[in-house]
Amino acid sequence: MQLAVEISLYPLKDQYLRPIQWFIGRLDAYPEIQRKTNGMSTQLCGDYDTIMALLATEMKAAHREWGKGVFVCKFIPGGVNLDHSE
């Protein structure tokens, strides 16, 4: 089963950009998922179990590395076309 996730990270610190870039860089270590990022969020698409496992791993790593931060996620089962522009 495919899954699409829109995720935003809001680090609770003044220097917020570095943790966001770090998190996105870690997502790129998963070649089996499709990632697209814009100024407001990052979208992931791929196998349901793969995405859920990587989110558990990488969100935990982000909290350990950077401390408190808020993740906001939207989940769409079945996936979506991340290249769709409308």
N, C-alpha and C. Protein backbone atom coordinates (compact mmCIF):
# COMPACT_ATOMS: atom_id res chain seq x y z
N MET A 1 0.85 -1.19 0.00
CA MET A 1 0.00 0.00 0.00
C MET A 1 0.89 1.24 0.00
N GLN A 2 0.50 2.21 -0.79
CA GLN A 2 1.24 3.47 -0.87
C GLN A 2 0.71 4.46 0.17
N LEU A 3 1.58 5.41 0.55
CA LEU A 3 1.22 6.44 1.51
C LEU A 3 1.89 7.74 1.10
N ALA A 4 1.16 8.83 1.19
CA ALA A 4 1.73 10.16 1.01
C ALA A 4 1.62 10.89 2.34
N VAL A 5 2.67 11.63 2.68
CA VAL A 5 2.70 12.38 3.93
C VAL A 5 3.19 13.78 3.62
N GLU A 6 2.48 14.76 4.16
CA GLU A 6 2.97 16.14 4.14
C GLU A 6 3.43 16.42 5.57
N ILE A 7 4.69 16.85 5.73
CA ILE A 7 5.25 17.04 7.06
C ILE A 7 5.93 18.40 7.16
N SER A 8 5.69 19.05 8.28
CA SER A 8 6.34 20.31 8.59
C SER A 8 6.98 20.19 9.96
N LEU A 9 8.19 20.72 10.09
CA LEU A 9 8.90 20.73 11.36
C LEU A 9 9.02 22.17 11.83
N TYR A 10 8.65 22.40 13.08
CA TYR A 10 8.76 23.72 13.70
C TYR A 10 9.66 23.59 14.93
N PRO A 11 10.98 23.75 14.76
CA PRO A 11 11.88 23.67 15.91
C PRO A 11 11.58 24.80 16.89
N LEU A 12 11.61 24.49 18.17
CA LEU A 12 11.34 25.49 19.20
C LEU A 12 12.66 26.12 19.64
N LYS A 13 13.28 26.84 18.69
CA LYS A 13 14.53 27.53 18.95
C LYS A 13 14.67 28.68 17.97
N ASP A 14 15.49 29.65 18.32
CA ASP A 14 15.67 30.82 17.46
C ASP A 14 16.29 30.47 16.12
N GLN A 15 17.30 29.64 16.13
CA GLN A 15 17.97 29.23 14.89
C GLN A 15 17.27 27.99 14.33
N TYR A 16 16.12 28.21 13.70
CA TYR A 16 15.25 27.09 13.31
C TYR A 16 15.61 26.46 11.97
N LEU A 17 16.31 27.16 11.10
CA LEU A 17 16.54 26.66 9.74
C LEU A 17 17.48 25.44 9.71
N ARG A 18 18.50 25.44 10.52
CA ARG A 18 19.47 24.34 10.51
C ARG A 18 18.82 22.99 10.86
N PRO A 19 17.99 22.90 11.91
CA PRO A 19 17.34 21.61 12.18
C PRO A 19 16.43 21.14 11.04
N ILE A 20 15.76 22.07 10.38
CA ILE A 20 14.89 21.70 9.25
C ILE A 20 15.72 21.13 8.11
N GLN A 21 16.80 21.82 7.77
CA GLN A 21 17.68 21.34 6.69
C GLN A 21 18.30 19.98 7.05
N TRP A 22 18.68 19.82 8.31
CA TRP A 22 19.24 18.56 8.78
C TRP A 22 18.23 17.43 8.60
N PHE A 23 16.97 17.68 9.00
CA PHE A 23 15.92 16.67 8.89
C PHE A 23 15.67 16.29 7.43
N ILE A 24 15.56 17.28 6.56
CA ILE A 24 15.34 17.00 5.14
C ILE A 24 16.51 16.21 4.56
N GLY A 25 17.71 16.56 4.94
CA GLY A 25 18.89 15.82 4.49
C GLY A 25 18.84 14.36 4.89
N ARG A 26 18.35 14.09 6.08
CA ARG A 26 18.23 12.70 6.54
C ARG A 26 17.17 11.95 5.74
N LEU A 27 16.12 12.63 5.34
CA LEU A 27 15.10 11.97 4.51
C LEU A 27 15.67 11.53 3.17
N ASP A 28 16.66 12.26 2.68
CA ASP A 28 17.27 11.91 1.40
C ASP A 28 18.08 10.63 1.45
N ALA A 29 18.31 10.08 2.64
CA ALA A 29 19.02 8.82 2.78
C ALA A 29 18.14 7.62 2.44
N TYR A 30 16.89 7.87 2.10
CA TYR A 30 15.93 6.79 1.79
C TYR A 30 15.59 6.86 0.30
N PRO A 31 16.37 6.18 -0.54
CA PRO A 31 16.14 6.27 -1.99
C PRO A 31 14.83 5.65 -2.45
N GLU A 32 14.22 4.83 -1.59
CA GLU A 32 12.98 4.16 -1.97
C GLU A 32 11.74 5.04 -1.83
N ILE A 33 11.90 6.25 -1.32
CA ILE A 33 10.77 7.17 -1.21
C ILE A 33 10.98 8.36 -2.15
N GLN A 34 9.88 8.99 -2.50
CA GLN A 34 9.92 10.21 -3.31
C GLN A 34 9.74 11.38 -2.35
N ARG A 35 10.59 12.42 -2.48
CA ARG A 35 10.51 13.58 -1.61
C ARG A 35 10.43 14.85 -2.45
N LYS A 36 9.57 15.75 -2.02
CA LYS A 36 9.46 17.07 -2.64
C LYS A 36 9.31 18.08 -1.51
N THR A 37 10.07 19.16 -1.57
CA THR A 37 10.04 20.17 -0.52
C THR A 37 9.73 21.53 -1.13
N ASN A 38 8.91 22.31 -0.44
CA ASN A 38 8.68 23.70 -0.83
C ASN A 38 8.88 24.57 0.41
N GLY A 39 8.52 25.82 0.34
CA GLY A 39 8.76 26.75 1.44
C GLY A 39 7.93 26.50 2.68
N MET A 40 6.92 25.63 2.58
CA MET A 40 6.04 25.41 3.73
C MET A 40 6.09 24.00 4.30
N SER A 41 6.45 23.02 3.47
CA SER A 41 6.42 21.64 3.96
C SER A 41 7.22 20.73 3.04
N THR A 42 7.34 19.49 3.47
CA THR A 42 7.96 18.44 2.68
C THR A 42 6.93 17.34 2.47
N GLN A 43 6.85 16.85 1.25
CA GLN A 43 5.94 15.75 0.94
C GLN A 43 6.76 14.49 0.67
N LEU A 44 6.29 13.39 1.20
CA LEU A 44 6.91 12.09 0.98
C LEU A 44 5.87 11.16 0.37
N CYS A 45 6.33 10.27 -0.49
CA CYS A 45 5.43 9.28 -1.08
C CYS A 45 6.21 7.99 -1.24
N GLY A 46 5.58 6.89 -0.86
CA GLY A 46 6.23 5.60 -0.99
C GLY A 46 5.42 4.53 -0.28
N ASP A 47 6.09 3.41 -0.03
CA ASP A 47 5.45 2.29 0.66
C ASP A 47 5.04 2.71 2.08
N TYR A 48 3.82 2.35 2.46
CA TYR A 48 3.25 2.74 3.75
C TYR A 48 4.18 2.37 4.91
N ASP A 49 4.59 1.10 4.98
CA ASP A 49 5.42 0.66 6.10
C ASP A 49 6.78 1.34 6.11
N THR A 50 7.35 1.56 4.96
CA THR A 50 8.65 2.23 4.87
C THR A 50 8.56 3.65 5.39
N ILE A 51 7.54 4.38 4.95
CA ILE A 51 7.39 5.77 5.39
C ILE A 51 7.12 5.86 6.88
N MET A 52 6.24 5.02 7.41
CA MET A 52 5.94 5.07 8.84
C MET A 52 7.18 4.73 9.67
N ALA A 53 7.97 3.77 9.22
CA ALA A 53 9.19 3.39 9.94
C ALA A 53 10.22 4.52 9.89
N LEU A 54 10.40 5.13 8.73
CA LEU A 54 11.39 6.21 8.63
C LEU A 54 10.95 7.42 9.43
N LEU A 55 9.66 7.71 9.48
CA LEU A 55 9.20 8.84 10.29
C LEU A 55 9.47 8.59 11.77
N ALA A 56 9.22 7.38 12.24
CA ALA A 56 9.50 7.06 13.65
C ALA A 56 10.99 7.24 13.94
N THR A 57 11.83 6.74 13.07
CA THR A 57 13.28 6.83 13.25
C THR A 57 13.78 8.27 13.19
N GLU A 58 13.38 8.99 12.16
CA GLU A 58 13.93 10.32 11.92
C GLU A 58 13.33 11.39 12.83
N MET A 59 12.08 11.25 13.21
CA MET A 59 11.50 12.21 14.16
C MET A 59 12.17 12.04 15.52
N LYS A 60 12.40 10.81 15.92
CA LYS A 60 13.09 10.56 17.19
C LYS A 60 14.52 11.11 17.14
N ALA A 61 15.20 10.89 16.03
CA ALA A 61 16.57 11.41 15.88
C ALA A 61 16.59 12.93 15.94
N ALA A 62 15.59 13.57 15.34
CA ALA A 62 15.52 15.04 15.36
C ALA A 62 15.33 15.56 16.78
N HIS A 63 14.47 14.91 17.53
CA HIS A 63 14.26 15.34 18.92
C HIS A 63 15.51 15.14 19.76
N ARG A 64 16.21 14.05 19.53
CA ARG A 64 17.46 13.81 20.27
C ARG A 64 18.53 14.83 19.90
N GLU A 65 18.63 15.14 18.62
CA GLU A 65 19.67 16.06 18.13
C GLU A 65 19.38 17.51 18.47
N TRP A 66 18.12 17.94 18.33
CA TRP A 66 17.78 19.36 18.40
C TRP A 66 16.87 19.74 19.56
N GLY A 67 16.40 18.78 20.31
CA GLY A 67 15.53 19.11 21.43
C GLY A 67 14.08 19.26 20.98
N LYS A 68 13.36 20.11 21.67
CA LYS A 68 11.93 20.24 21.40
C LYS A 68 11.66 20.84 20.03
N GLY A 69 10.65 20.29 19.40
CA GLY A 69 10.18 20.76 18.10
C GLY A 69 8.82 20.13 17.83
N VAL A 70 8.06 20.77 16.98
CA VAL A 70 6.72 20.30 16.64
C VAL A 70 6.73 19.76 15.21
N PHE A 71 6.22 18.57 15.03
CA PHE A 71 6.00 18.01 13.70
C PHE A 71 4.50 18.04 13.42
N VAL A 72 4.12 18.54 12.28
CA VAL A 72 2.73 18.53 11.84
C VAL A 72 2.68 17.69 10.57
N CYS A 73 1.85 16.66 10.59
CA CYS A 73 1.79 15.71 9.47
C CYS A 73 0.35 15.52 8.98
N LYS A 74 0.23 15.34 7.67
CA LYS A 74 -1.03 14.92 7.05
C LYS A 74 -0.73 13.63 6.30
N PHE A 75 -1.59 12.64 6.46
CA PHE A 75 -1.39 11.33 5.85
C PHE A 75 -2.50 11.06 4.83
N ILE A 76 -2.09 10.61 3.64
CA ILE A 76 -3.06 10.25 2.60
C ILE A 76 -2.76 8.81 2.17
N PRO A 77 -3.58 7.86 2.59
CA PRO A 77 -3.36 6.49 2.14
C PRO A 77 -3.61 6.37 0.64
N GLY A 78 -2.82 5.53 0.03
CA GLY A 78 -2.94 5.35 -1.41
C GLY A 78 -1.97 6.22 -2.19
N GLY A 79 -1.38 7.21 -1.52
CA GLY A 79 -0.40 8.06 -2.18
C GLY A 79 -1.02 9.09 -3.09
N VAL A 80 -0.20 9.98 -3.58
CA VAL A 80 -0.61 11.01 -4.54
C VAL A 80 0.53 11.26 -5.50
N ASN A 81 0.24 11.93 -6.57
CA ASN A 81 1.26 12.33 -7.54
C ASN A 81 1.90 13.63 -7.04
N LEU A 82 3.14 13.56 -6.59
CA LEU A 82 3.80 14.74 -6.05
C LEU A 82 4.16 15.76 -7.13
N ASP A 83 4.04 15.38 -8.38
CA ASP A 83 4.33 16.31 -9.47
C ASP A 83 3.09 17.08 -9.92
N HIS A 84 1.94 16.77 -9.35
CA HIS A 84 0.69 17.46 -9.71
C HIS A 84 0.76 18.91 -9.24
N SER A 85 0.37 19.85 -10.09
CA SER A 85 0.56 21.26 -9.77
C SER A 85 -0.73 22.01 -9.43
N GLU A 86 -1.87 21.38 -9.45
CA GLU A 86 -3.12 22.07 -9.11
C GLU A 86 -3.63 21.66 -7.77
